[in-house]
Every structure is written in C-alpha cells, then in structure tokens.
Amino acid sequence: NSLRDESVKQEQRLQNSLLEIEALHKSIDAANKKSRTQEKTIEHLERENIDIKDRLQTSLSNASTIEARNVILQDSLEESKVEVRELKGKLNAVSEDLKHKTLQLENRQNLL
C-alpha cells in the first residue's frame, strides 16, 4: 500500500512538473513572440529613420541651392539698380536737353 501511495505521489509530482514545464514553454513562446514583434518594430523604425535622414539631406541640399540662387539674384538685383540709376541719369540729361532745345525753338519762333 505504501509503495502504491509513493507511486501515486511520484506520479503527481511528475504531473505537476509536466504542468510547470508546459507553463514555462508558454512563457518562453510568449516572450519569443514579443521579441519578434519588437525586432520588427525596430526594423520599421530604422527604415523610417533612414527615409527621414534622406529627406533631410535632400532638404539641406535644396536649401543650399536656393541660398546660392538667392546670392546670384541679389547680385543681379544690385546690378539692375545700378543700371536703373544710370538710365535715370541719362533720361534726366536727355529731358533737360529736350527742354533746352524746346525753349530755343520757342525763342526762334517768337523772333520770327
């Protein structure tokens, strides 16, 4: 009877050990699944990070190009301002000459 009791206890302990092992396997599987999910998330974030870096690099390159164009346009604007001042000066000179010649013409006509 005692051997039978011992055998039952032994079987119960084995059964409990099997249940513990199954629970551990489930925990390990859940941890592995969580780990794979986290790895996929990390890979996704790394790809996003590369995309963002590429877009940032493109934006910086575009900004440099725009800045260079702005410098060229600023120089061109300054040159245009100088040309406008010169043309205004010439226009004023021609206008004064025209006024002077008109006065001379009026004076000649008045003499006649």
C-alpha atoms as a PDB file:
ATOM      1  CA  ASN A   1       0.000   0.000   0.000  1.00  0.00           C
ATOM      2  CA  SER A   2       2.834   2.284   0.897  1.00  0.00           C
ATOM      3  CA  LEU A   3       4.525   1.589  -2.421  1.00  0.00           C
ATOM      4  CA  ARG A   4       1.296   2.427  -4.175  1.00  0.00           C
ATOM      5  CA  ASP A   5       0.966   5.661  -2.211  1.00  0.00           C
ATOM      6  CA  GLU A   6       4.553   6.512  -3.047  1.00  0.00           C
ATOM      7  CA  SER A   7       3.897   5.711  -6.695  1.00  0.00           C
ATOM      8  CA  VAL A   8       0.808   7.954  -6.728  1.00  0.00           C
ATOM      9  CA  LYS A   9       2.779  10.792  -5.106  1.00  0.00           C
ATOM     10  CA  GLN A  10       5.589  10.301  -7.602  1.00  0.00           C
ATOM     11  CA  GLU A  11       3.106  10.378 -10.479  1.00  0.00           C
ATOM     12  CA  GLN A  12       1.503  13.521  -9.008  1.00  0.00           C
ATOM     13  CA  ARG A  13       4.931  15.215  -8.782  1.00  0.00           C
ATOM     14  CA  LEU A  14       5.699  14.221 -12.369  1.00  0.00           C
ATOM     15  CA  GLN A  15       2.317  15.555 -13.448  1.00  0.00           C
ATOM     16  CA  ASN A  16       2.990  18.855 -11.614  1.00  0.00           C
ATOM     17  CA  SER A  17       6.457  19.032 -13.198  1.00  0.00           C
ATOM     18  CA  LEU A  18       4.933  18.499 -16.635  1.00  0.00           C
ATOM     19  CA  LEU A  19       2.422  21.289 -15.984  1.00  0.00           C
ATOM     20  CA  GLU A  20       5.249  23.604 -14.860  1.00  0.00           C
ATOM     21  CA  ILE A  21       7.251  22.719 -17.974  1.00  0.00           C
ATOM     22  CA  GLU A  22       4.231  23.448 -20.208  1.00  0.00           C
ATOM     23  CA  ALA A  23       3.708  26.790 -18.447  1.00  0.00           C
ATOM     24  CA  LEU A  24       7.390  27.625 -18.934  1.00  0.00           C
ATOM     25  CA  HIS A  25       7.151  26.714 -22.639  1.00  0.00           C
ATOM     26  CA  LYS A  26       4.140  29.013 -22.994  1.00  0.00           C
ATOM     27  CA  SER A  27       6.021  31.821 -21.240  1.00  0.00           C
ATOM     28  CA  ILE A  28       9.026  31.261 -23.496  1.00  0.00           C
ATOM     29  CA  ASP A  29       6.810  31.262 -26.611  1.00  0.00           C
ATOM     30  CA  ALA A  30       5.109  34.494 -25.497  1.00  0.00           C
ATOM     31  CA  ALA A  31       8.483  36.113 -24.784  1.00  0.00           C
ATOM     32  CA  ASN A  32       9.791  34.992 -28.194  1.00  0.00           C
ATOM     33  CA  LYS A  33       6.697  36.369 -29.930  1.00  0.00           C
ATOM     34  CA  LYS A  34       7.078  39.683 -28.096  1.00  0.00           C
ATOM     35  CA  SER A  35      10.766  39.754 -29.024  1.00  0.00           C
ATOM     36  CA  ARG A  36       9.995  39.154 -32.727  1.00  0.00           C
ATOM     37  CA  THR A  37       7.370  41.920 -32.645  1.00  0.00           C
ATOM     38  CA  GLN A  38       9.882  44.296 -31.067  1.00  0.00           C
ATOM     39  CA  GLU A  39      12.512  43.352 -33.669  1.00  0.00           C
ATOM     40  CA  LYS A  40      10.044  44.092 -36.470  1.00  0.00           C
ATOM     41  CA  THR A  41       9.180  47.420 -34.845  1.00  0.00           C
ATOM     42  CA  ILE A  42      12.875  48.290 -34.557  1.00  0.00           C
ATOM     43  CA  GLU A  43      13.471  47.369 -38.213  1.00  0.00           C
ATOM     44  CA  HIS A  44      10.497  49.508 -39.251  1.00  0.00           C
ATOM     45  CA  LEU A  45      11.741  52.454 -37.183  1.00  0.00           C
ATOM     46  CA  GLU A  46      15.244  52.062 -38.631  1.00  0.00           C
ATOM     47  CA  ARG A  47      13.812  52.196 -42.179  1.00  0.00           C
ATOM     48  CA  GLU A  48      11.763  55.268 -41.248  1.00  0.00           C
ATOM     49  CA  ASN A  49      14.877  56.848 -39.751  1.00  0.00           C
ATOM     50  CA  ILE A  50      16.815  56.255 -42.982  1.00  0.00           C
ATOM     51  CA  ASP A  51      13.947  57.760 -45.002  1.00  0.00           C
ATOM     52  CA  ILE A  52      13.857  60.811 -42.736  1.00  0.00           C
ATOM     53  CA  LYS A  53      17.639  61.222 -42.987  1.00  0.00           C
ATOM     54  CA  ASP A  54      17.420  61.002 -46.797  1.00  0.00           C
ATOM     55  CA  ARG A  55      14.626  63.603 -46.897  1.00  0.00           C
ATOM     56  CA  LEU A  56      16.573  65.847 -44.532  1.00  0.00           C
ATOM     57  CA  GLN A  57      19.676  65.551 -46.717  1.00  0.00           C
ATOM     58  CA  THR A  58      17.598  66.432 -49.786  1.00  0.00           C
ATOM     59  CA  SER A  59      16.102  69.418 -47.957  1.00  0.00           C
ATOM     60  CA  LEU A  60      19.553  70.619 -46.911  1.00  0.00           C
ATOM     61  CA  SER A  61      20.784  70.244 -50.477  1.00  0.00           C
ATOM     62  CA  ASN A  62      17.766  72.149 -51.789  1.00  0.00           C
ATOM     63  CA  ALA A  63      18.326  74.865 -49.183  1.00  0.00           C
ATOM     64  CA  SER A  64      21.953  75.238 -50.318  1.00  0.00           C
ATOM     65  CA  THR A  65      20.835  75.502 -53.939  1.00  0.00           C
ATOM     66  CA  ILE A  66      18.197  78.094 -53.045  1.00  0.00           C
ATOM     67  CA  GLU A  67      20.732  80.045 -50.998  1.00  0.00           C
ATOM     68  CA  ALA A  68      23.171  80.064 -53.945  1.00  0.00           C
ATOM     69  CA  ARG A  69      20.390  81.224 -56.274  1.00  0.00           C
ATOM     70  CA  ASN A  70      19.451  83.958 -53.818  1.00  0.00           C
ATOM     71  CA  VAL A  71      23.046  85.222 -53.813  1.00  0.00           C
ATOM     72  CA  ILE A  72      23.045  85.299 -57.629  1.00  0.00           C
ATOM     73  CA  LEU A  73      19.662  87.063 -57.692  1.00  0.00           C
ATOM     74  CA  GLN A  74      20.836  89.566 -55.070  1.00  0.00           C
ATOM     75  CA  ASP A  75      23.919  90.366 -57.187  1.00  0.00           C
ATOM     76  CA  SER A  76      21.729  90.696 -60.284  1.00  0.00           C
ATOM     77  CA  LEU A  77      19.342  92.974 -58.383  1.00  0.00           C
ATOM     78  CA  GLU A  78      22.219  95.220 -57.315  1.00  0.00           C
ATOM     79  CA  GLU A  79      23.470  95.372 -60.907  1.00  0.00           C
ATOM     80  CA  SER A  80      19.954  96.227 -62.089  1.00  0.00           C
ATOM     81  CA  LYS A  81      19.695  99.020 -59.505  1.00  0.00           C
ATOM     82  CA  VAL A  82      22.971 100.494 -60.790  1.00  0.00           C
ATOM     83  CA  GLU A  83      21.706 100.248 -64.385  1.00  0.00           C
ATOM     84  CA  VAL A  84      18.406 101.914 -63.412  1.00  0.00           C
ATOM     85  CA  ARG A  85      20.271 104.780 -61.718  1.00  0.00           C
ATOM     86  CA  GLU A  86      22.458 105.210 -64.811  1.00  0.00           C
ATOM     87  CA  LEU A  87      19.413 105.136 -67.114  1.00  0.00           C
ATOM     88  CA  LYS A  88      17.590 107.661 -64.907  1.00  0.00           C
ATOM     89  CA  GLY A  89      20.618 109.906 -65.138  1.00  0.00           C
ATOM     90  CA  LYS A  90      20.677 109.597 -68.936  1.00  0.00           C
ATOM     91  CA  LEU A  91      16.906 110.153 -69.100  1.00  0.00           C
ATOM     92  CA  ASN A  92      17.202 113.294 -66.984  1.00  0.00           C
ATOM     93  CA  ALA A  93      20.027 114.563 -69.188  1.00  0.00           C
ATOM     94  CA  VAL A  94      18.005 113.895 -72.364  1.00  0.00           C
ATOM     95  CA  SER A  95      14.951 115.519 -70.750  1.00  0.00           C
ATOM     96  CA  GLU A  96      16.945 118.613 -69.797  1.00  0.00           C
ATOM     97  CA  ASP A  97      18.448 118.765 -73.295  1.00  0.00           C
ATOM     98  CA  LEU A  98      14.972 118.456 -74.816  1.00  0.00           C
ATOM     99  CA  LYS A  99      13.646 121.227 -72.576  1.00  0.00           C
ATOM    100  CA  HIS A 100      16.584 123.428 -73.544  1.00  0.00           C
ATOM    101  CA  LYS A 101      16.105 122.757 -77.275  1.00  0.00           C
ATOM    102  CA  THR A 102      12.334 123.336 -76.947  1.00  0.00           C
ATOM    103  CA  LEU A 103      12.997 126.703 -75.308  1.00  0.00           C
ATOM    104  CA  GLN A 104      15.453 127.597 -78.060  1.00  0.00           C
ATOM    105  CA  LEU A 105      12.915 126.617 -80.701  1.00  0.00           C
ATOM    106  CA  GLU A 106      10.177 128.669 -78.994  1.00  0.00           C
ATOM    107  CA  ASN A 107      12.538 131.649 -78.785  1.00  0.00           C
ATOM    108  CA  ARG A 108      13.359 131.365 -82.526  1.00  0.00           C
ATOM    109  CA  GLN A 109       9.693 131.113 -83.389  1.00  0.00           C
ATOM    110  CA  ASN A 110       8.950 134.162 -81.256  1.00  0.00           C
ATOM    111  CA  LEU A 111      11.663 136.083 -83.088  1.00  0.00           C
ATOM    112  CA  LEU A 112      10.107 135.261 -86.404  1.00  0.00           C
END
